[in-house]
């Protein structure tokens, strides 16, 4: 798309490109078979289609689990339909038909959730269960983000362990002070 387009023409071009990409997705992608039950409608709320719930994480460094580059997923495209960024992802499994997903940030489809989408960088951070998946058009960006996520997780775990150690040490000191006070005949309650 030429950079000289005016704002309204650029928006029209983005919408047109998004519609073409959505038209390429099969109609059955991500749908449940049992549409008669009330549970079938829960999928709509879980996907956060209308952006009613905030995105779980706004940047890749805030993710909780380590990332892995999953070969079963492929980033098919990224587009922007203001104000949302949408990632088009294909899940490829042996012996099964490909599954197609169109997810915006914070949106879930079944067990797959889009945590972060970098439109200019062509990178997407997904979570499937507790496993983070980094997809990118650029292999170096995927490796860099994966390393950053692993370092962030290590730092968070180290901080939690340090806080737990400090709390346990404080409890030990208080317990020893209370035992010493009781031995001297002074009754002092434990503070927790």
N, C-alpha and C. Protein backbone atom coordinates (compact mmCIF):
# COMPACT_ATOMS: atom_id res chain seq x y z
N UNK A 1 0.85 -1.17 0.00
CA UNK A 1 0.00 0.00 0.00
C UNK A 1 0.90 1.24 0.00
N UNK A 2 0.69 2.17 -0.92
CA UNK A 2 1.53 3.35 -0.99
C UNK A 2 1.37 4.20 0.27
N UNK A 3 2.48 4.80 0.71
CA UNK A 3 2.47 5.62 1.91
C UNK A 3 1.82 6.97 1.67
N UNK A 4 1.57 7.34 0.40
CA UNK A 4 1.03 8.66 0.07
C UNK A 4 -0.49 8.72 0.15
N UNK A 5 -1.15 7.61 0.48
CA UNK A 5 -2.61 7.60 0.57
C UNK A 5 -3.06 8.46 1.74
N UNK A 6 -4.18 9.13 1.56
CA UNK A 6 -4.71 9.93 2.66
C UNK A 6 -5.24 9.00 3.74
N UNK A 7 -5.55 9.56 4.90
CA UNK A 7 -6.00 8.76 6.03
C UNK A 7 -7.24 7.93 5.73
N UNK A 8 -8.24 8.52 5.08
CA UNK A 8 -9.47 7.78 4.80
C UNK A 8 -9.23 6.70 3.75
N UNK A 9 -8.41 6.99 2.73
CA UNK A 9 -8.11 5.97 1.73
C UNK A 9 -7.31 4.82 2.32
N UNK A 10 -6.39 5.13 3.24
CA UNK A 10 -5.61 4.10 3.90
C UNK A 10 -6.52 3.20 4.73
N UNK A 11 -7.50 3.80 5.43
CA UNK A 11 -8.44 3.04 6.24
C UNK A 11 -9.28 2.12 5.34
N UNK A 12 -9.73 2.64 4.20
CA UNK A 12 -10.52 1.83 3.27
C UNK A 12 -9.67 0.66 2.75
N UNK A 13 -8.40 0.93 2.46
CA UNK A 13 -7.51 -0.13 1.97
C UNK A 13 -7.29 -1.19 3.04
N UNK A 14 -7.13 -0.78 4.30
CA UNK A 14 -6.96 -1.74 5.40
C UNK A 14 -8.21 -2.59 5.57
N UNK A 15 -9.36 -1.97 5.51
CA UNK A 15 -10.62 -2.72 5.67
C UNK A 15 -10.77 -3.71 4.51
N UNK A 16 -10.47 -3.27 3.31
CA UNK A 16 -10.57 -4.14 2.14
C UNK A 16 -9.62 -5.34 2.29
N UNK A 17 -8.38 -5.08 2.74
CA UNK A 17 -7.42 -6.17 2.93
C UNK A 17 -7.89 -7.13 4.02
N UNK A 18 -8.50 -6.59 5.07
CA UNK A 18 -9.00 -7.44 6.16
C UNK A 18 -10.14 -8.31 5.67
N UNK A 19 -11.03 -7.75 4.87
CA UNK A 19 -12.15 -8.53 4.35
C UNK A 19 -11.66 -9.64 3.43
N UNK A 20 -10.67 -9.37 2.63
CA UNK A 20 -10.11 -10.41 1.76
C UNK A 20 -9.51 -11.53 2.61
N UNK A 21 -8.78 -11.16 3.67
CA UNK A 21 -8.17 -12.18 4.53
C UNK A 21 -9.24 -12.98 5.26
N UNK A 22 -10.31 -12.33 5.73
CA UNK A 22 -11.38 -13.05 6.41
C UNK A 22 -12.13 -13.96 5.45
N UNK A 23 -12.30 -13.54 4.22
CA UNK A 23 -12.99 -14.37 3.24
C UNK A 23 -12.22 -15.65 2.95
N UNK A 24 -10.90 -15.62 3.14
CA UNK A 24 -10.08 -16.80 2.88
C UNK A 24 -10.23 -17.86 3.97
N UNK A 25 -10.75 -17.46 5.13
CA UNK A 25 -10.91 -18.42 6.23
C UNK A 25 -12.16 -19.27 6.00
N UNK A 26 -12.11 -20.57 6.33
CA UNK A 26 -13.30 -21.39 6.18
C UNK A 26 -14.35 -20.99 7.21
N UNK A 27 -15.62 -21.18 6.85
CA UNK A 27 -16.70 -20.78 7.75
C UNK A 27 -16.75 -21.62 9.02
N UNK A 28 -16.27 -22.84 8.97
CA UNK A 28 -16.36 -23.73 10.12
C UNK A 28 -15.21 -23.57 11.10
N UNK A 29 -14.28 -22.66 10.89
CA UNK A 29 -13.08 -22.53 11.74
C UNK A 29 -13.46 -22.14 13.16
N UNK A 30 -13.05 -22.95 14.11
CA UNK A 30 -13.22 -22.64 15.52
C UNK A 30 -14.63 -22.81 16.04
N UNK A 31 -15.57 -23.36 15.26
CA UNK A 31 -16.94 -23.50 15.72
C UNK A 31 -17.15 -24.84 16.40
N UNK A 32 -18.10 -24.88 17.32
CA UNK A 32 -18.43 -26.13 18.00
C UNK A 32 -19.53 -26.84 17.22
N UNK A 33 -19.63 -28.16 17.38
CA UNK A 33 -20.64 -28.92 16.67
C UNK A 33 -22.00 -28.84 17.34
N UNK A 34 -22.02 -28.72 18.65
CA UNK A 34 -23.28 -28.72 19.38
C UNK A 34 -23.75 -27.29 19.61
N UNK A 35 -24.46 -26.74 18.62
CA UNK A 35 -24.92 -25.35 18.74
C UNK A 35 -26.24 -25.26 19.47
N UNK A 36 -26.86 -26.39 19.79
CA UNK A 36 -28.16 -26.37 20.47
C UNK A 36 -28.03 -26.12 21.96
N UNK A 37 -26.91 -26.42 22.56
CA UNK A 37 -26.78 -26.28 24.01
C UNK A 37 -26.42 -24.84 24.38
N UNK A 38 -26.73 -24.48 25.61
CA UNK A 38 -26.40 -23.13 26.10
C UNK A 38 -24.90 -22.93 26.20
N UNK A 39 -24.15 -24.02 26.37
CA UNK A 39 -22.69 -23.92 26.47
C UNK A 39 -22.07 -23.44 25.16
N UNK A 40 -22.74 -23.66 24.05
CA UNK A 40 -22.19 -23.24 22.77
C UNK A 40 -22.04 -21.72 22.71
N UNK A 41 -22.88 -20.99 23.42
CA UNK A 41 -22.80 -19.53 23.41
C UNK A 41 -21.69 -19.00 24.30
N UNK A 42 -21.21 -19.83 25.21
CA UNK A 42 -20.11 -19.42 26.09
C UNK A 42 -18.83 -19.14 25.28
N UNK A 43 -18.70 -19.78 24.14
CA UNK A 43 -17.55 -19.58 23.27
C UNK A 43 -17.41 -18.11 22.90
N UNK A 44 -18.54 -17.44 22.67
CA UNK A 44 -18.52 -16.03 22.29
C UNK A 44 -17.90 -15.19 23.40
N UNK A 45 -18.33 -15.41 24.63
CA UNK A 45 -17.79 -14.66 25.76
C UNK A 45 -16.32 -15.00 26.00
N UNK A 46 -15.97 -16.27 25.89
CA UNK A 46 -14.58 -16.68 26.12
C UNK A 46 -13.63 -16.09 25.08
N UNK A 47 -14.08 -15.93 23.85
CA UNK A 47 -13.22 -15.37 22.81
C UNK A 47 -13.00 -13.88 22.99
N UNK A 48 -13.84 -13.22 23.81
CA UNK A 48 -13.72 -11.78 24.04
C UNK A 48 -13.78 -11.03 22.71
N UNK A 49 -14.73 -11.45 21.90
CA UNK A 49 -14.86 -10.94 20.54
C UNK A 49 -15.06 -9.43 20.49
N UNK A 50 -15.78 -8.88 21.46
CA UNK A 50 -16.09 -7.46 21.44
C UNK A 50 -15.16 -6.64 22.32
N UNK A 51 -14.11 -7.26 22.86
CA UNK A 51 -13.13 -6.53 23.65
C UNK A 51 -13.66 -6.04 24.98
N UNK A 52 -14.62 -6.76 25.57
CA UNK A 52 -15.19 -6.34 26.85
C UNK A 52 -14.26 -6.59 28.01
N UNK A 53 -13.37 -7.57 27.88
CA UNK A 53 -12.37 -7.84 28.92
C UNK A 53 -11.03 -7.33 28.41
N UNK A 54 -10.21 -6.80 29.33
CA UNK A 54 -8.89 -6.30 28.95
C UNK A 54 -8.01 -7.47 28.53
N UNK A 55 -7.05 -7.19 27.67
CA UNK A 55 -6.10 -8.20 27.24
C UNK A 55 -5.32 -8.68 28.45
N UNK A 56 -5.00 -9.96 28.49
CA UNK A 56 -4.29 -10.53 29.63
C UNK A 56 -2.93 -9.88 29.81
N UNK A 57 -2.24 -9.63 28.72
CA UNK A 57 -0.91 -9.02 28.78
C UNK A 57 -0.78 -8.07 27.60
N UNK A 58 -0.16 -6.94 27.82
CA UNK A 58 -0.03 -5.98 26.74
C UNK A 58 1.33 -6.04 26.07
N UNK A 59 2.26 -6.78 26.63
CA UNK A 59 3.56 -6.91 25.98
C UNK A 59 4.10 -8.30 26.25
N UNK A 60 5.02 -8.77 25.44
CA UNK A 60 5.48 -10.14 25.60
C UNK A 60 6.26 -10.37 26.88
N UNK A 61 6.84 -9.36 27.47
CA UNK A 61 7.65 -9.54 28.68
C UNK A 61 6.79 -9.84 29.89
N UNK A 62 5.47 -9.59 29.81
CA UNK A 62 4.60 -9.79 30.95
C UNK A 62 4.02 -11.20 31.00
N UNK A 63 4.34 -12.06 30.07
CA UNK A 63 3.79 -13.41 30.03
C UNK A 63 4.36 -14.27 31.15
N UNK A 64 3.57 -15.29 31.58
CA UNK A 64 3.96 -16.05 32.75
C UNK A 64 4.75 -17.32 32.45
N UNK A 65 4.45 -18.00 31.36
CA UNK A 65 5.10 -19.28 31.09
C UNK A 65 6.17 -19.12 30.03
N UNK A 66 7.13 -20.03 29.99
CA UNK A 66 8.17 -19.91 28.98
C UNK A 66 7.61 -20.10 27.58
N UNK A 67 8.23 -19.49 26.64
CA UNK A 67 7.75 -19.56 25.27
C UNK A 67 8.43 -20.70 24.52
N UNK A 68 7.72 -21.22 23.56
CA UNK A 68 8.28 -22.24 22.69
C UNK A 68 7.77 -21.97 21.29
N UNK A 69 8.61 -22.15 20.34
CA UNK A 69 8.19 -21.98 18.96
C UNK A 69 7.56 -23.29 18.52
N UNK A 70 6.27 -23.29 18.35
CA UNK A 70 5.51 -24.49 18.04
C UNK A 70 5.42 -24.67 16.53
N UNK A 71 5.98 -25.75 16.00
CA UNK A 71 5.95 -25.94 14.56
C UNK A 71 4.56 -26.21 14.01
N UNK A 72 3.59 -26.58 14.86
CA UNK A 72 2.23 -26.87 14.41
C UNK A 72 1.44 -25.61 14.09
N UNK A 73 1.93 -24.43 14.47
CA UNK A 73 1.24 -23.19 14.20
C UNK A 73 2.00 -22.39 13.16
N UNK A 74 1.26 -21.68 12.33
CA UNK A 74 1.88 -20.84 11.31
C UNK A 74 1.16 -19.50 11.31
N UNK A 75 1.93 -18.42 11.29
CA UNK A 75 1.37 -17.08 11.21
C UNK A 75 1.04 -16.81 9.75
N UNK A 76 -0.26 -16.68 9.46
CA UNK A 76 -0.70 -16.47 8.08
C UNK A 76 -0.78 -14.99 7.73
N UNK A 77 -1.00 -14.14 8.75
CA UNK A 77 -1.09 -12.72 8.47
C UNK A 77 -1.45 -11.92 9.70
N UNK A 78 -1.23 -10.63 9.61
CA UNK A 78 -1.61 -9.68 10.66
C UNK A 78 -2.22 -8.48 9.96
N UNK A 79 -3.32 -7.97 10.50
CA UNK A 79 -3.92 -6.77 9.95
C UNK A 79 -4.41 -5.89 11.09
N UNK A 80 -4.72 -4.65 10.75
CA UNK A 80 -5.27 -3.71 11.73
C UNK A 80 -6.61 -3.24 11.21
N UNK A 81 -7.63 -3.42 12.03
CA UNK A 81 -8.94 -2.86 11.78
C UNK A 81 -9.19 -1.97 12.99
N UNK A 82 -8.89 -0.67 12.86
CA UNK A 82 -8.88 0.20 14.04
C UNK A 82 -10.13 0.02 14.89
N UNK A 83 -9.96 -0.14 16.18
CA UNK A 83 -8.75 -0.01 16.97
C UNK A 83 -8.06 -1.35 17.25
N UNK A 84 -8.45 -2.42 16.57
CA UNK A 84 -7.93 -3.75 16.89
C UNK A 84 -6.86 -4.21 15.91
N UNK A 85 -5.90 -4.99 16.45
CA UNK A 85 -4.93 -5.70 15.63
C UNK A 85 -5.39 -7.16 15.61
N UNK A 86 -5.39 -7.77 14.44
CA UNK A 86 -5.89 -9.13 14.30
C UNK A 86 -4.79 -10.00 13.69
N UNK A 87 -4.58 -11.17 14.31
CA UNK A 87 -3.62 -12.14 13.81
C UNK A 87 -4.38 -13.31 13.19
N UNK A 88 -3.91 -13.74 12.03
CA UNK A 88 -4.48 -14.90 11.34
C UNK A 88 -3.49 -16.05 11.50
N UNK A 89 -3.94 -17.11 12.17
CA UNK A 89 -3.07 -18.22 12.53
C UNK A 89 -3.67 -19.52 12.00
N UNK A 90 -2.80 -20.39 11.52
CA UNK A 90 -3.22 -21.71 11.04
C UNK A 90 -2.56 -22.76 11.92
N UNK A 91 -3.37 -23.69 12.45
CA UNK A 91 -2.83 -24.81 13.23
C UNK A 91 -2.86 -26.03 12.31
N UNK A 92 -1.67 -26.59 12.11
CA UNK A 92 -1.54 -27.73 11.22
C UNK A 92 -1.21 -28.97 12.04
N UNK A 93 -2.06 -29.99 11.94
CA UNK A 93 -1.84 -31.26 12.64
C UNK A 93 -1.84 -32.39 11.62
N UNK A 94 -0.99 -33.37 11.86
CA UNK A 94 -0.94 -34.52 10.96
C UNK A 94 -2.26 -35.28 11.01
N UNK A 95 -2.76 -35.65 9.87
CA UNK A 95 -3.96 -36.46 9.79
C UNK A 95 -5.24 -35.70 10.08
N UNK A 96 -5.19 -34.38 10.24
CA UNK A 96 -6.38 -33.60 10.52
C UNK A 96 -6.40 -32.38 9.61
N UNK A 97 -7.59 -31.85 9.42
CA UNK A 97 -7.71 -30.64 8.61
C UNK A 97 -7.10 -29.46 9.35
N UNK A 98 -6.55 -28.52 8.61
CA UNK A 98 -6.00 -27.31 9.23
C UNK A 98 -7.11 -26.53 9.93
N UNK A 99 -6.76 -25.94 11.07
CA UNK A 99 -7.69 -25.07 11.79
C UNK A 99 -7.23 -23.64 11.58
N UNK A 100 -8.17 -22.75 11.29
CA UNK A 100 -7.85 -21.35 11.04
C UNK A 100 -8.42 -20.50 12.17
N UNK A 101 -7.62 -19.57 12.65
CA UNK A 101 -8.02 -18.68 13.74
C UNK A 101 -7.78 -17.24 13.32
N UNK A 102 -8.69 -16.36 13.69
CA UNK A 102 -8.53 -14.91 13.54
C UNK A 102 -8.75 -14.33 14.93
N UNK A 103 -7.66 -13.91 15.60
CA UNK A 103 -7.73 -13.47 16.99
C UNK A 103 -7.17 -12.06 17.14
N UNK A 104 -7.87 -11.24 17.92
CA UNK A 104 -7.33 -9.94 18.30
C UNK A 104 -6.72 -10.08 19.69
N UNK A 105 -5.98 -9.07 20.15
CA UNK A 105 -5.32 -9.14 21.47
C UNK A 105 -6.36 -9.36 22.56
N UNK A 106 -6.09 -10.33 23.44
CA UNK A 106 -6.98 -10.64 24.55
C UNK A 106 -8.11 -11.58 24.18
N UNK A 107 -8.22 -11.97 22.95
CA UNK A 107 -9.31 -12.81 22.49
C UNK A 107 -8.90 -14.28 22.55
N UNK A 108 -9.87 -15.14 22.95
CA UNK A 108 -9.63 -16.58 23.03
C UNK A 108 -10.52 -17.30 22.03
N UNK A 109 -10.01 -18.40 21.54
CA UNK A 109 -10.80 -19.32 20.73
C UNK A 109 -10.44 -20.71 21.21
N UNK A 110 -11.32 -21.29 22.01
CA UNK A 110 -11.02 -22.58 22.63
C UNK A 110 -9.89 -22.42 23.62
N UNK A 111 -8.82 -23.16 23.42
CA UNK A 111 -7.67 -23.14 24.32
C UNK A 111 -6.59 -22.16 23.86
N UNK A 112 -6.80 -21.48 22.72
CA UNK A 112 -5.81 -20.59 22.14
C UNK A 112 -6.19 -19.13 22.41
N UNK A 113 -5.23 -18.35 22.92
CA UNK A 113 -5.47 -16.95 23.25
C UNK A 113 -4.36 -16.08 22.66
N UNK A 114 -4.74 -14.96 22.07
CA UNK A 114 -3.76 -13.99 21.55
C UNK A 114 -3.42 -13.02 22.68
N UNK A 115 -2.17 -13.02 23.12
CA UNK A 115 -1.75 -12.15 24.21
C UNK A 115 -1.22 -10.82 23.69
N UNK A 116 -0.48 -10.84 22.56
CA UNK A 116 0.21 -9.65 22.09
C UNK A 116 0.41 -9.76 20.60
N UNK A 117 0.15 -8.66 19.89
CA UNK A 117 0.33 -8.63 18.44
C UNK A 117 1.17 -7.41 18.09
N UNK A 118 2.31 -7.64 17.44
CA UNK A 118 3.17 -6.56 16.97
C UNK A 118 2.99 -6.46 15.46
N UNK A 119 2.12 -5.54 15.04
CA UNK A 119 1.81 -5.40 13.62
C UNK A 119 3.03 -5.00 12.80
N UNK A 120 3.76 -3.93 13.19
CA UNK A 120 4.91 -3.54 12.35
C UNK A 120 6.02 -4.60 12.35
N UNK A 121 6.22 -5.29 13.47
CA UNK A 121 7.29 -6.28 13.55
C UNK A 121 6.91 -7.65 13.03
N UNK A 122 5.60 -7.87 12.77
CA UNK A 122 5.17 -9.15 12.24
C UNK A 122 5.33 -10.29 13.22
N UNK A 123 5.05 -10.02 14.52
CA UNK A 123 5.22 -11.03 15.56
C UNK A 123 3.96 -11.12 16.41
N UNK A 124 3.62 -12.34 16.81
CA UNK A 124 2.43 -12.60 17.62
C UNK A 124 2.80 -13.50 18.78
N UNK A 125 2.27 -13.20 19.97
CA UNK A 125 2.45 -14.05 21.15
C UNK A 125 1.11 -14.67 21.48
N UNK A 126 1.05 -16.01 21.44
CA UNK A 126 -0.16 -16.75 21.74
C UNK A 126 0.05 -17.58 23.00
N UNK A 127 -1.03 -18.00 23.62
CA UNK A 127 -0.95 -18.94 24.73
C UNK A 127 -1.95 -20.05 24.45
N UNK A 128 -1.42 -21.28 24.52
CA UNK A 128 -2.27 -22.46 24.41
C UNK A 128 -2.14 -23.20 25.74
N UNK A 129 -3.18 -23.12 26.56
CA UNK A 129 -3.09 -23.66 27.91
C UNK A 129 -2.11 -22.84 28.70
N UNK A 130 -1.04 -23.45 29.20
CA UNK A 130 0.01 -22.73 29.94
C UNK A 130 1.25 -22.48 29.09
N UNK A 131 1.22 -22.92 27.85
CA UNK A 131 2.38 -22.81 26.96
C UNK A 131 2.26 -21.57 26.09
N UNK A 132 3.29 -20.74 26.09
CA UNK A 132 3.35 -19.57 25.22
C UNK A 132 3.95 -19.97 23.88
N UNK A 133 3.41 -19.37 22.82
CA UNK A 133 3.86 -19.67 21.47
C UNK A 133 4.16 -18.33 20.79
N UNK A 134 5.37 -18.18 20.30
CA UNK A 134 5.76 -16.98 19.58
C UNK A 134 5.79 -17.31 18.09
N UNK A 135 5.00 -16.59 17.32
CA UNK A 135 4.98 -16.76 15.87
C UNK A 135 5.46 -15.45 15.23
N UNK A 136 6.26 -15.56 14.21
CA UNK A 136 6.79 -14.37 13.57
C UNK A 136 7.11 -14.66 12.12
N UNK A 137 7.06 -13.60 11.31
CA UNK A 137 7.52 -13.73 9.94
C UNK A 137 9.05 -13.71 9.91
N UNK A 138 9.67 -13.25 10.99
CA UNK A 138 11.13 -13.11 11.10
C UNK A 138 11.63 -14.06 12.18
N UNK A 139 12.45 -15.04 11.82
CA UNK A 139 12.95 -16.03 12.78
C UNK A 139 13.79 -15.40 13.87
N UNK A 140 14.57 -14.37 13.55
CA UNK A 140 15.40 -13.71 14.56
C UNK A 140 14.55 -13.02 15.61
N UNK A 141 13.45 -12.39 15.21
CA UNK A 141 12.56 -11.74 16.17
C UNK A 141 11.94 -12.78 17.09
N UNK A 142 11.54 -13.92 16.52
CA UNK A 142 10.93 -14.98 17.33
C UNK A 142 11.92 -15.48 18.38
N UNK A 143 13.18 -15.68 17.99
CA UNK A 143 14.19 -16.17 18.93
C UNK A 143 14.48 -15.13 20.02
N UNK A 144 14.54 -13.84 19.64
CA UNK A 144 14.82 -12.78 20.61
C UNK A 144 13.69 -12.69 21.64
N UNK A 145 12.44 -12.71 21.18
CA UNK A 145 11.30 -12.61 22.09
C UNK A 145 11.22 -13.85 22.98
N UNK A 146 11.49 -15.02 22.43
CA UNK A 146 11.50 -16.25 23.22
C UNK A 146 12.53 -16.15 24.34
N UNK A 147 13.73 -15.64 24.04
CA UNK A 147 14.77 -15.48 25.07
C UNK A 147 14.35 -14.45 26.12
N UNK A 148 13.73 -13.35 25.69
CA UNK A 148 13.26 -12.33 26.64
C UNK A 148 12.20 -12.91 27.58
N UNK A 149 11.30 -13.71 27.04
CA UNK A 149 10.26 -14.32 27.87
C UNK A 149 10.86 -15.28 28.90
N UNK A 150 11.83 -16.07 28.48
CA UNK A 150 12.47 -17.01 29.41
C UNK A 150 13.19 -16.24 30.52
N UNK A 151 13.87 -15.15 30.16
CA UNK A 151 14.57 -14.34 31.17
C UNK A 151 13.57 -13.69 32.13
N UNK A 152 12.44 -13.19 31.60
CA UNK A 152 11.41 -12.57 32.43
C UNK A 152 10.84 -13.59 33.41
N UNK A 153 10.57 -14.80 32.95
CA UNK A 153 10.04 -15.83 33.83
C UNK A 153 11.04 -16.18 34.93
N UNK A 154 12.32 -16.31 34.57
CA UNK A 154 13.34 -16.60 35.56
C UNK A 154 13.39 -15.51 36.63
N UNK A 155 13.36 -14.23 36.20
CA UNK A 155 13.41 -13.12 37.14
C UNK A 155 12.20 -13.11 38.07
N UNK A 156 11.01 -13.39 37.53
CA UNK A 156 9.81 -13.42 38.36
C UNK A 156 9.87 -14.56 39.37
N UNK A 157 10.32 -15.74 38.95
CA UNK A 157 10.44 -16.87 39.87
C UNK A 157 11.48 -16.59 40.94
N UNK A 158 12.59 -15.97 40.56
CA UNK A 158 13.64 -15.62 41.52
C UNK A 158 13.11 -14.62 42.55
N UNK A 159 12.36 -13.63 42.10
CA UNK A 159 11.78 -12.63 43.01
C UNK A 159 10.81 -13.28 43.98
N UNK A 160 9.94 -14.18 43.49
CA UNK A 160 8.99 -14.87 44.37
C UNK A 160 9.73 -15.70 45.41
N UNK A 161 10.79 -16.41 45.00
CA UNK A 161 11.56 -17.22 45.94
C UNK A 161 12.24 -16.35 46.99
N UNK A 162 12.77 -15.21 46.57
CA UNK A 162 13.41 -14.28 47.50
C UNK A 162 12.41 -13.75 48.52
N UNK A 163 11.22 -13.36 48.07
CA UNK A 163 10.18 -12.86 48.97
C UNK A 163 9.74 -13.94 49.96
N UNK A 164 9.59 -15.17 49.48
CA UNK A 164 9.22 -16.27 50.36
C UNK A 164 10.30 -16.52 51.40
N UNK A 165 11.56 -16.50 51.00
CA UNK A 165 12.67 -16.70 51.91
C UNK A 165 12.70 -15.61 52.98
N UNK A 166 12.48 -14.35 52.59
CA UNK A 166 12.45 -13.26 53.56
C UNK A 166 11.31 -13.43 54.56
N UNK A 167 10.13 -13.83 54.08
CA UNK A 167 8.98 -14.02 54.96
C UNK A 167 9.24 -15.16 55.95
N UNK A 168 9.81 -16.26 55.46
CA UNK A 168 10.11 -17.38 56.35
C UNK A 168 11.16 -17.00 57.40
N UNK A 169 12.15 -16.24 56.99
CA UNK A 169 13.18 -15.79 57.93
C UNK A 169 12.58 -14.87 58.99
N UNK A 170 11.69 -13.98 58.59
CA UNK A 170 11.04 -13.09 59.55
C UNK A 170 10.19 -13.89 60.55
N UNK A 171 9.47 -14.88 60.07
CA UNK A 171 8.67 -15.73 60.96
C UNK A 171 9.56 -16.50 61.93
N UNK A 172 10.71 -16.97 61.46
CA UNK A 172 11.64 -17.70 62.32
C UNK A 172 12.16 -16.79 63.44
N UNK A 173 12.54 -15.56 63.09
CA UNK A 173 13.04 -14.62 64.09
C UNK A 173 11.95 -14.29 65.11
N UNK A 174 10.73 -14.05 64.64
CA UNK A 174 9.62 -13.77 65.56
C UNK A 174 9.35 -14.94 66.49
N UNK A 175 9.42 -16.16 65.95
CA UNK A 175 9.18 -17.36 66.76
C UNK A 175 10.27 -17.50 67.83
N UNK A 176 11.54 -17.25 67.46
CA UNK A 176 12.63 -17.33 68.43
C UNK A 176 12.49 -16.27 69.51
N UNK A 177 12.08 -15.06 69.13
CA UNK A 177 11.87 -14.00 70.12
C UNK A 177 10.74 -14.36 71.08
N UNK A 178 9.66 -14.95 70.54
CA UNK A 178 8.53 -15.35 71.38
C UNK A 178 8.95 -16.47 72.34
N UNK A 179 9.74 -17.43 71.85
CA UNK A 179 10.19 -18.53 72.71
C UNK A 179 11.12 -18.01 73.81
N UNK A 180 11.98 -17.05 73.46
CA UNK A 180 12.88 -16.46 74.44
C UNK A 180 12.09 -15.69 75.48
N UNK A 181 11.06 -14.95 75.04
CA UNK A 181 10.23 -14.18 75.96
C UNK A 181 9.45 -15.12 76.88
N UNK A 182 8.95 -16.24 76.35
CA UNK A 182 8.21 -17.19 77.19
C UNK A 182 9.14 -17.85 78.20
N UNK A 183 10.37 -18.11 77.79
CA UNK A 183 11.33 -18.73 78.71
C UNK A 183 11.65 -17.80 79.87
N UNK A 184 11.63 -16.50 79.63
CA UNK A 184 11.89 -15.52 80.68
C UNK A 184 10.63 -15.20 81.47
N UNK A 185 9.48 -15.74 81.04
CA UNK A 185 8.24 -15.50 81.75
C UNK A 185 7.44 -14.35 81.19
N UNK A 186 7.88 -13.75 80.15
CA UNK A 186 7.14 -12.67 79.50
C UNK A 186 6.31 -13.28 78.38
N UNK A 187 5.01 -13.09 78.43
CA UNK A 187 4.13 -13.61 77.41
C UNK A 187 4.00 -12.58 76.29
N UNK A 188 4.46 -12.91 75.12
CA UNK A 188 4.37 -12.00 73.97
C UNK A 188 3.74 -12.79 72.81
N UNK A 189 2.60 -12.30 72.28
CA UNK A 189 1.94 -13.03 71.19
C UNK A 189 2.75 -12.92 69.89
N UNK A 190 2.60 -13.95 69.04
CA UNK A 190 3.24 -13.97 67.72
C UNK A 190 2.49 -13.05 66.77
N UNK A 191 3.20 -12.28 65.97
CA UNK A 191 2.59 -11.42 64.96
C UNK A 191 2.73 -12.07 63.60
N UNK A 192 1.59 -12.35 62.96
CA UNK A 192 1.63 -12.94 61.60
C UNK A 192 0.91 -12.04 60.66
